[in-house]
Amino acid sequence: MRVRVLVLIALVLSSWSIAQASSYSFSGALPADDAVWILAFVPSASVVYTFTTTSFADGGFTPILTLFNSTGGYQFNSTPTDGCTEADPFVGCWDSSFGYTLAADSMYFLTVTEEDNYPTWDNLFGDPGLYPAFTRLGQGNFTGPVYGTGEGSFIALGGWQRTANFSFDISSSGDLTVPIPEPSAALLSLCGFGLLGGVSLLRRRRS
């Protein structure tokens, strides 16, 4: 089965950054339940950066954010119970928010996956011949069978139909830069898993 890995490509002519006390807003869509969306970014200060998902509130799927360092080493992943920002009284939390102290001027990678597609490697760029980097990678549209509807995609716990869209914010008192992505062995190894899904939309917001 071909594995879909979605890589963010910043369509800008030069690196761009935001001023202090600012927020980035990102949005896009996954081509399938098992897709992985990747953002590379560089913080300018060693301070806490806050990651807040708004996907479910906007009609999208339940998102999982996973943070990796410059060498692809695992740092942290969110769960829907982290700082719950959007919840259903009968099922529980959907959107989440968490803070993490980042090192200044160091590259980080942030991935977006659907609920139940969690990281399995300690390193994002490990050997793809060992086992999938994420629990559902290579399984296509898994949410229908997992959540009881039998078929379909982007089904939330409880059988709710959602869209393929996701959105999240990164905010901090420090600057954040998203450089123009250069071809690298690391990113190319991920693309080598299968289909390059496309380009996500990027929105900037200065606060």
Foldseek 3Di string as FASTA:
>chain_A
DFWEEAEAFDPDPWKDKFAFQWKWKFKFFDPFQQYKYKAKKFWAAQDKKKKWWCAVVVQAAQKKKWKAWQQQAGDDIDDQVACADDADPVPGGRIHMDIDGDHHGTMMMMMIHGPPFAADDRGLQDDVVPDDRTPCTPVTADCCVVQPNVDDHRAYNVRRHTGRMIMMMMGHRTMMIRGRDDDDPRVVSVCVSGDHRDHTDTDGDTD
